Amino acid sequence: MPLKTHLDDEPTLNLTAMLDVMFLLIIFFMLGTKFVEDEERNIRLKVPSVVDSRGTLIKAPARKVVNVDRKGNVTLGRDQGQESLSLEDLTARLAVAQKEYPDLGVLVRGDAENRLQRIAEVLNACKQAGIKDLNLRVRTVSTQE
């Protein structure tokens, strides 16, 4: 019965090929990237700078949500616990918001049991406030055959 007289080498992982591939990928992406040069740099033009008195640009606000409940009460916002607004108040609030951000969008959500006339009045109030991005929320249901 033969006995082992020497120790076997422990298996090792050869990383040389993987490192070579990684370096080639780095070189490829570095050379493949196009560094954009400003037109001002090409003609040696120093562009003047100004101070923005309004501060930094702010992110566009989320759409305003106008709710019309079953009784015809109008609320502004996503919360249900808000007080009812008249159409004049709604128009005034939306006009103020629209002046701050001209591309303001409004989403009108009406109860399915509500009269169409009341929702049409709310849409007209939004139009009078100068809102151009006006959407009406509906729920789609799938029909089963």
C-alpha atoms as a PDB file:
ATOM      1  CA  MET A   1       0.000   0.000   0.000  1.00  0.00           C
ATOM      2  CA  PRO A   2       1.617   3.231  -1.128  1.00  0.00           C
ATOM      3  CA  LEU A   3       1.801   6.010   1.423  1.00  0.00           C
ATOM      4  CA  LYS A   4       1.887   9.668   0.622  1.00  0.00           C
ATOM      5  CA  THR A   5       5.269  11.080   1.276  1.00  0.00           C
ATOM      6  CA  HIS A   6       4.779  14.615  -0.028  1.00  0.00           C
ATOM      7  CA  LEU A   7       2.150  17.315   0.526  1.00  0.00           C
ATOM      8  CA  ASP A   8      -0.106  18.389  -2.359  1.00  0.00           C
ATOM      9  CA  ASP A   9      -0.229  22.071  -3.237  1.00  0.00           C
ATOM     10  CA  GLU A  10      -3.373  23.840  -2.177  1.00  0.00           C
ATOM     11  CA  PRO A  11      -5.557  24.860  -5.100  1.00  0.00           C
ATOM     12  CA  THR A  12      -5.231  28.528  -5.984  1.00  0.00           C
ATOM     13  CA  LEU A  13      -7.258  30.828  -8.121  1.00  0.00           C
ATOM     14  CA  ASN A  14      -5.341  32.417 -10.952  1.00  0.00           C
ATOM     15  CA  LEU A  15      -6.526  36.048 -11.205  1.00  0.00           C
ATOM     16  CA  THR A  16      -4.085  37.118 -13.882  1.00  0.00           C
ATOM     17  CA  ALA A  17      -6.468  36.608 -16.787  1.00  0.00           C
ATOM     18  CA  MET A  18      -9.314  38.374 -14.989  1.00  0.00           C
ATOM     19  CA  LEU A  19      -7.099  41.349 -14.129  1.00  0.00           C
ATOM     20  CA  ASP A  20      -5.931  41.575 -17.729  1.00  0.00           C
ATOM     21  CA  VAL A  21      -9.534  41.674 -18.930  1.00  0.00           C
ATOM     22  CA  MET A  22     -10.436  44.328 -16.345  1.00  0.00           C
ATOM     23  CA  PHE A  23      -7.545  46.565 -17.400  1.00  0.00           C
ATOM     24  CA  LEU A  24      -8.495  46.149 -21.058  1.00  0.00           C
ATOM     25  CA  LEU A  25     -12.093  47.125 -20.257  1.00  0.00           C
ATOM     26  CA  ILE A  26     -10.932  50.202 -18.375  1.00  0.00           C
ATOM     27  CA  ILE A  27      -8.733  51.256 -21.287  1.00  0.00           C
ATOM     28  CA  PHE A  28     -11.562  50.583 -23.748  1.00  0.00           C
ATOM     29  CA  PHE A  29     -14.058  52.743 -21.852  1.00  0.00           C
ATOM     30  CA  MET A  30     -11.518  55.510 -21.283  1.00  0.00           C
ATOM     31  CA  LEU A  31     -10.686  55.685 -24.966  1.00  0.00           C
ATOM     32  CA  GLY A  32     -14.286  55.219 -26.040  1.00  0.00           C
ATOM     33  CA  THR A  33     -15.557  58.095 -23.936  1.00  0.00           C
ATOM     34  CA  LYS A  34     -15.847  61.322 -25.818  1.00  0.00           C
ATOM     35  CA  PHE A  35     -14.867  64.280 -23.729  1.00  0.00           C
ATOM     36  CA  VAL A  36     -17.144  67.169 -24.613  1.00  0.00           C
ATOM     37  CA  GLU A  37     -15.445  70.457 -25.237  1.00  0.00           C
ATOM     38  CA  ASP A  38     -17.307  73.695 -24.812  1.00  0.00           C
ATOM     39  CA  GLU A  39     -17.592  75.888 -27.871  1.00  0.00           C
ATOM     40  CA  GLU A  40     -16.316  78.774 -25.784  1.00  0.00           C
ATOM     41  CA  ARG A  41     -13.090  76.906 -25.100  1.00  0.00           C
ATOM     42  CA  ASN A  42     -12.491  76.304 -28.798  1.00  0.00           C
ATOM     43  CA  ILE A  43     -12.580  80.020 -29.630  1.00  0.00           C
ATOM     44  CA  ARG A  44     -11.022  81.182 -26.352  1.00  0.00           C
ATOM     45  CA  LEU A  45     -14.096  83.087 -25.241  1.00  0.00           C
ATOM     46  CA  LYS A  46     -14.687  83.931 -21.594  1.00  0.00           C
ATOM     47  CA  VAL A  47     -18.431  84.005 -20.968  1.00  0.00           C
ATOM     48  CA  PRO A  48     -19.611  86.636 -18.451  1.00  0.00           C
ATOM     49  CA  SER A  49     -21.327  85.470 -15.293  1.00  0.00           C
ATOM     50  CA  VAL A  50     -24.337  86.924 -13.463  1.00  0.00           C
ATOM     51  CA  VAL A  51     -25.906  86.389 -10.075  1.00  0.00           C
ATOM     52  CA  ASP A  52     -29.373  84.838 -10.018  1.00  0.00           C
ATOM     53  CA  SER A  53     -31.441  86.892  -7.591  1.00  0.00           C
ATOM     54  CA  ARG A  54     -34.185  84.266  -7.412  1.00  0.00           C
ATOM     55  CA  GLY A  55     -31.835  81.624  -6.101  1.00  0.00           C
ATOM     56  CA  THR A  56     -31.375  78.143  -7.413  1.00  0.00           C
ATOM     57  CA  LEU A  57     -33.824  76.497  -9.724  1.00  0.00           C
ATOM     58  CA  ILE A  58     -36.460  74.515  -7.918  1.00  0.00           C
ATOM     59  CA  LYS A  59     -37.974  71.252  -8.948  1.00  0.00           C
ATOM     60  CA  ALA A  60     -41.339  71.405 -10.662  1.00  0.00           C
ATOM     61  CA  PRO A  61     -44.106  70.907  -8.123  1.00  0.00           C
ATOM     62  CA  ALA A  62     -46.310  67.884  -8.231  1.00  0.00           C
ATOM     63  CA  ARG A  63     -49.681  68.179  -9.881  1.00  0.00           C
ATOM     64  CA  LYS A  64     -52.358  69.867  -7.828  1.00  0.00           C
ATOM     65  CA  VAL A  65     -55.246  67.526  -7.133  1.00  0.00           C
ATOM     66  CA  VAL A  66     -58.809  68.848  -7.113  1.00  0.00           C
ATOM     67  CA  ASN A  67     -61.406  66.513  -5.595  1.00  0.00           C
ATOM     68  CA  VAL A  68     -65.135  66.750  -6.284  1.00  0.00           C
ATOM     69  CA  ASP A  69     -67.061  64.526  -3.880  1.00  0.00           C
ATOM     70  CA  ARG A  70     -70.499  62.987  -4.255  1.00  0.00           C
ATOM     71  CA  LYS A  71     -72.237  66.059  -2.804  1.00  0.00           C
ATOM     72  CA  GLY A  72     -70.384  68.428  -5.141  1.00  0.00           C
ATOM     73  CA  ASN A  73     -67.931  69.760  -2.522  1.00  0.00           C
ATOM     74  CA  VAL A  74     -64.601  70.844  -3.987  1.00  0.00           C
ATOM     75  CA  THR A  75     -61.301  70.358  -2.121  1.00  0.00           C
ATOM     76  CA  LEU A  76     -57.751  71.101  -3.184  1.00  0.00           C
ATOM     77  CA  GLY A  77     -55.117  68.517  -2.285  1.00  0.00           C
ATOM     78  CA  ARG A  78     -54.856  64.791  -1.787  1.00  0.00           C
ATOM     79  CA  ASP A  79     -56.101  64.775   1.811  1.00  0.00           C
ATOM     80  CA  GLN A  80     -59.780  64.074   2.359  1.00  0.00           C
ATOM     81  CA  GLY A  81     -60.049  66.089   5.588  1.00  0.00           C
ATOM     82  CA  GLN A  82     -59.747  69.506   3.949  1.00  0.00           C
ATOM     83  CA  GLU A  83     -62.414  72.172   3.904  1.00  0.00           C
ATOM     84  CA  SER A  84     -64.629  72.768   0.888  1.00  0.00           C
ATOM     85  CA  LEU A  85     -63.749  75.582  -1.489  1.00  0.00           C
ATOM     86  CA  SER A  86     -65.992  77.693  -3.660  1.00  0.00           C
ATOM     87  CA  LEU A  87     -65.187  77.821  -7.350  1.00  0.00           C
ATOM     88  CA  GLU A  88     -63.921  81.398  -6.933  1.00  0.00           C
ATOM     89  CA  ASP A  89     -61.540  80.342  -4.136  1.00  0.00           C
ATOM     90  CA  LEU A  90     -60.348  77.414  -6.231  1.00  0.00           C
ATOM     91  CA  THR A  91     -59.702  79.689  -9.201  1.00  0.00           C
ATOM     92  CA  ALA A  92     -57.813  82.184  -7.007  1.00  0.00           C
ATOM     93  CA  ARG A  93     -55.594  79.523  -5.384  1.00  0.00           C
ATOM     94  CA  LEU A  94     -54.799  77.872  -8.695  1.00  0.00           C
ATOM     95  CA  ALA A  95     -54.047  81.246 -10.306  1.00  0.00           C
ATOM     96  CA  VAL A  96     -51.529  82.054  -7.550  1.00  0.00           C
ATOM     97  CA  ALA A  97     -49.886  78.640  -7.931  1.00  0.00           C
ATOM     98  CA  GLN A  98     -49.853  78.975 -11.707  1.00  0.00           C
ATOM     99  CA  LYS A  99     -48.073  82.329 -11.519  1.00  0.00           C
ATOM    100  CA  GLU A 100     -45.314  80.757  -9.397  1.00  0.00           C
ATOM    101  CA  TYR A 101     -44.923  77.865 -11.807  1.00  0.00           C
ATOM    102  CA  PRO A 102     -46.428  78.425 -15.290  1.00  0.00           C
ATOM    103  CA  ASP A 103     -46.323  74.734 -16.282  1.00  0.00           C
ATOM    104  CA  LEU A 104     -48.357  73.622 -13.262  1.00  0.00           C
ATOM    105  CA  GLY A 105     -50.582  70.637 -13.867  1.00  0.00           C
ATOM    106  CA  VAL A 106     -53.940  69.906 -12.258  1.00  0.00           C
ATOM    107  CA  LEU A 107     -55.599  66.531 -11.812  1.00  0.00           C
ATOM    108  CA  VAL A 108     -59.372  66.593 -11.268  1.00  0.00           C
ATOM    109  CA  ARG A 109     -60.861  63.600  -9.456  1.00  0.00           C
ATOM    110  CA  GLY A 110     -64.628  63.416  -9.413  1.00  0.00           C
ATOM    111  CA  ASP A 111     -66.932  60.923  -7.721  1.00  0.00           C
ATOM    112  CA  ALA A 112     -68.637  58.563 -10.162  1.00  0.00           C
ATOM    113  CA  GLU A 113     -72.034  59.344  -8.611  1.00  0.00           C
ATOM    114  CA  ASN A 114     -71.542  63.103  -9.070  1.00  0.00           C
ATOM    115  CA  ARG A 115     -73.281  65.209 -11.694  1.00  0.00           C
ATOM    116  CA  LEU A 116     -71.171  65.980 -14.740  1.00  0.00           C
ATOM    117  CA  GLN A 117     -72.158  69.655 -14.478  1.00  0.00           C
ATOM    118  CA  ARG A 118     -70.210  70.161 -11.246  1.00  0.00           C
ATOM    119  CA  ILE A 119     -67.061  68.572 -12.704  1.00  0.00           C
ATOM    120  CA  ALA A 120     -67.439  70.747 -15.809  1.00  0.00           C
ATOM    121  CA  GLU A 121     -67.618  73.824 -13.544  1.00  0.00           C
ATOM    122  CA  VAL A 122     -64.411  72.757 -11.789  1.00  0.00           C
ATOM    123  CA  LEU A 123     -62.669  72.216 -15.132  1.00  0.00           C
ATOM    124  CA  ASN A 124     -63.793  75.682 -16.221  1.00  0.00           C
ATOM    125  CA  ALA A 125     -62.436  77.189 -12.965  1.00  0.00           C
ATOM    126  CA  CYS A 126     -59.072  75.564 -13.672  1.00  0.00           C
ATOM    127  CA  LYS A 127     -59.112  76.965 -17.195  1.00  0.00           C
ATOM    128  CA  GLN A 128     -59.900  80.453 -15.867  1.00  0.00           C
ATOM    129  CA  ALA A 129     -56.892  80.164 -13.533  1.00  0.00           C
ATOM    130  CA  GLY A 130     -54.665  79.695 -16.579  1.00  0.00           C
ATOM    131  CA  ILE A 131     -53.927  76.005 -16.112  1.00  0.00           C
ATOM    132  CA  LYS A 132     -52.859  74.420 -19.393  1.00  0.00           C
ATOM    133  CA  ASP A 133     -51.957  70.931 -18.162  1.00  0.00           C
ATOM    134  CA  LEU A 134     -55.390  69.693 -17.073  1.00  0.00           C
ATOM    135  CA  ASN A 135     -56.215  66.017 -16.514  1.00  0.00           C
ATOM    136  CA  LEU A 136     -59.298  64.120 -15.450  1.00  0.00           C
ATOM    137  CA  ARG A 137     -58.849  61.000 -13.336  1.00  0.00           C
ATOM    138  CA  VAL A 138     -60.801  57.882 -14.278  1.00  0.00           C
ATOM    139  CA  ARG A 139     -60.463  54.286 -13.211  1.00  0.00           C
ATOM    140  CA  THR A 140     -60.253  51.615 -15.863  1.00  0.00           C
ATOM    141  CA  VAL A 141     -61.887  48.288 -15.198  1.00  0.00           C
ATOM    142  CA  SER A 142     -61.364  45.119 -17.125  1.00  0.00           C
ATOM    143  CA  THR A 143     -64.366  43.416 -18.638  1.00  0.00           C
ATOM    144  CA  GLN A 144     -64.703  39.712 -18.105  1.00  0.00           C
ATOM    145  CA  GLU A 145     -66.272  37.767 -20.914  1.00  0.00           C
END
